[in-house]
Protein backbone atom coordinates (compact mmCIF):
# COMPACT_ATOMS: atom_id res chain seq x y z
CA UNK A 1 29.50 -24.99 -3.78
CA UNK A 2 29.81 -21.39 -2.14
CA UNK A 3 29.96 -20.04 -5.38
CA UNK A 4 26.21 -21.63 -6.48
CA UNK A 5 24.73 -20.21 -2.77
CA UNK A 6 25.77 -16.90 -3.74
CA UNK A 7 24.34 -16.95 -7.19
CA UNK A 8 21.24 -18.14 -5.79
CA UNK A 9 21.16 -15.30 -3.12
CA UNK A 10 21.70 -12.72 -5.90
CA UNK A 11 18.85 -14.13 -8.21
CA UNK A 12 16.58 -14.10 -4.87
CA UNK A 13 17.19 -10.68 -4.54
CA UNK A 14 16.84 -9.62 -8.11
CA UNK A 15 13.46 -11.61 -8.18
CA UNK A 16 12.10 -9.64 -4.81
CA UNK A 17 13.52 -6.53 -6.62
CA UNK A 18 11.42 -7.13 -9.63
CA UNK A 19 8.56 -8.32 -7.76
CA UNK A 20 8.19 -5.25 -5.79
CA UNK A 21 8.88 -3.02 -8.92
CA UNK A 22 6.09 -4.85 -10.80
CA UNK A 23 3.69 -4.61 -7.79
CA UNK A 24 4.46 -0.83 -7.69
CA UNK A 25 3.93 -0.79 -11.75
CA UNK A 26 0.82 -2.31 -11.40
CA UNK A 27 -0.78 -1.15 -8.42
CA UNK A 28 0.65 2.15 -7.85
CA UNK A 29 1.38 1.10 -4.31
CA UNK A 30 4.65 -0.08 -2.39
CA UNK A 31 4.41 -3.43 -0.85
CA UNK A 32 4.83 -1.53 2.63
CA UNK A 33 1.67 0.24 1.48
CA UNK A 34 0.27 -2.78 0.61
CA UNK A 35 0.88 -4.39 3.95
CA UNK A 36 -0.13 -1.32 5.72
CA UNK A 37 -3.73 -0.99 4.34
CA UNK A 38 -4.07 -4.55 5.03
CA UNK A 39 -3.49 -4.05 8.81
CA UNK A 40 -6.01 -0.63 8.51
CA UNK A 41 -8.46 -2.86 6.93
CA UNK A 42 -7.99 -5.56 9.70
CA UNK A 43 -8.26 -2.80 12.15
CA UNK A 44 -11.56 -1.54 10.91
CA UNK A 45 -13.01 -4.74 10.79
CA UNK A 46 -11.95 -5.70 14.50
CA UNK A 47 -13.37 -1.91 15.20
CA UNK A 48 -16.52 -2.84 13.63
CA UNK A 49 -17.07 -6.13 15.04
CA UNK A 50 -15.53 -6.63 18.69
CA UNK A 51 -15.48 -4.42 21.88
CA UNK A 52 -11.45 -4.98 21.96
CA UNK A 53 -9.69 -1.35 23.52
CA UNK A 54 -7.93 0.19 20.31
CA UNK A 55 -4.63 -0.27 21.91
CA UNK A 56 -5.38 -3.88 21.92
CA UNK A 57 -6.57 -3.42 18.07
CA UNK A 58 -3.51 -1.90 17.18
CA UNK A 59 -1.10 -4.34 18.74
CA UNK A 60 -2.91 -7.14 17.15
CA UNK A 61 -2.71 -5.99 13.80
CA UNK A 62 0.79 -5.63 14.03
CA UNK A 63 1.43 -2.13 14.73
CA UNK A 64 3.66 -0.96 17.42
CA UNK A 65 3.22 2.68 17.36
CA UNK A 66 -0.02 4.35 18.60
CA UNK A 67 0.31 7.77 16.84
CA UNK A 68 1.32 6.49 13.63
CA UNK A 69 -1.72 4.26 13.81
CA UNK A 70 -4.11 6.80 14.48
CA UNK A 71 -2.08 8.91 11.89
CA UNK A 72 -2.24 6.70 8.86
CA UNK A 73 -6.09 5.53 10.01
CA UNK A 74 -7.06 8.94 9.75
CA UNK A 75 -5.76 9.07 6.30
CA UNK A 76 -7.10 5.99 5.26
CA UNK A 77 -10.41 6.51 6.74
CA UNK A 78 -11.01 10.47 7.31
CA UNK A 79 -12.08 9.96 10.85
CA UNK A 80 -10.41 8.60 13.60
CA UNK A 81 -10.92 5.03 15.10
CA UNK A 82 -13.22 5.75 17.99
CA UNK A 83 -15.49 7.57 15.76
CA UNK A 84 -15.27 5.09 13.19
CA UNK A 85 -16.27 2.74 15.94
CA UNK A 86 -19.40 4.86 17.03
CA UNK A 87 -20.22 5.30 13.22
CA UNK A 88 -20.18 1.38 12.73
CA UNK A 89 -22.41 0.96 16.09
CA UNK A 90 -24.88 3.55 14.64
CA UNK A 91 -25.20 1.64 11.41
CA UNK A 92 -25.90 -1.39 13.54
């Protein structure tokens, strides 16, 4: 019983590594990058469609570090969250 549990765990780890490698090979992104991109897309949606404070949006999308969020958002969208919101307001 113990032996089979260990083998199952090892197989799960191998499958996880295989899946991560496959994602990286096909999408040219790591799993972490994909998750971050989804969080940034969600943040952008909240900036466009709500009046929530940016600090609240940061927490709502699952990020804890404000500096990290601003750095990644600017890198992804080539603008700050505040400027992005103003641009979205202007377009509407």
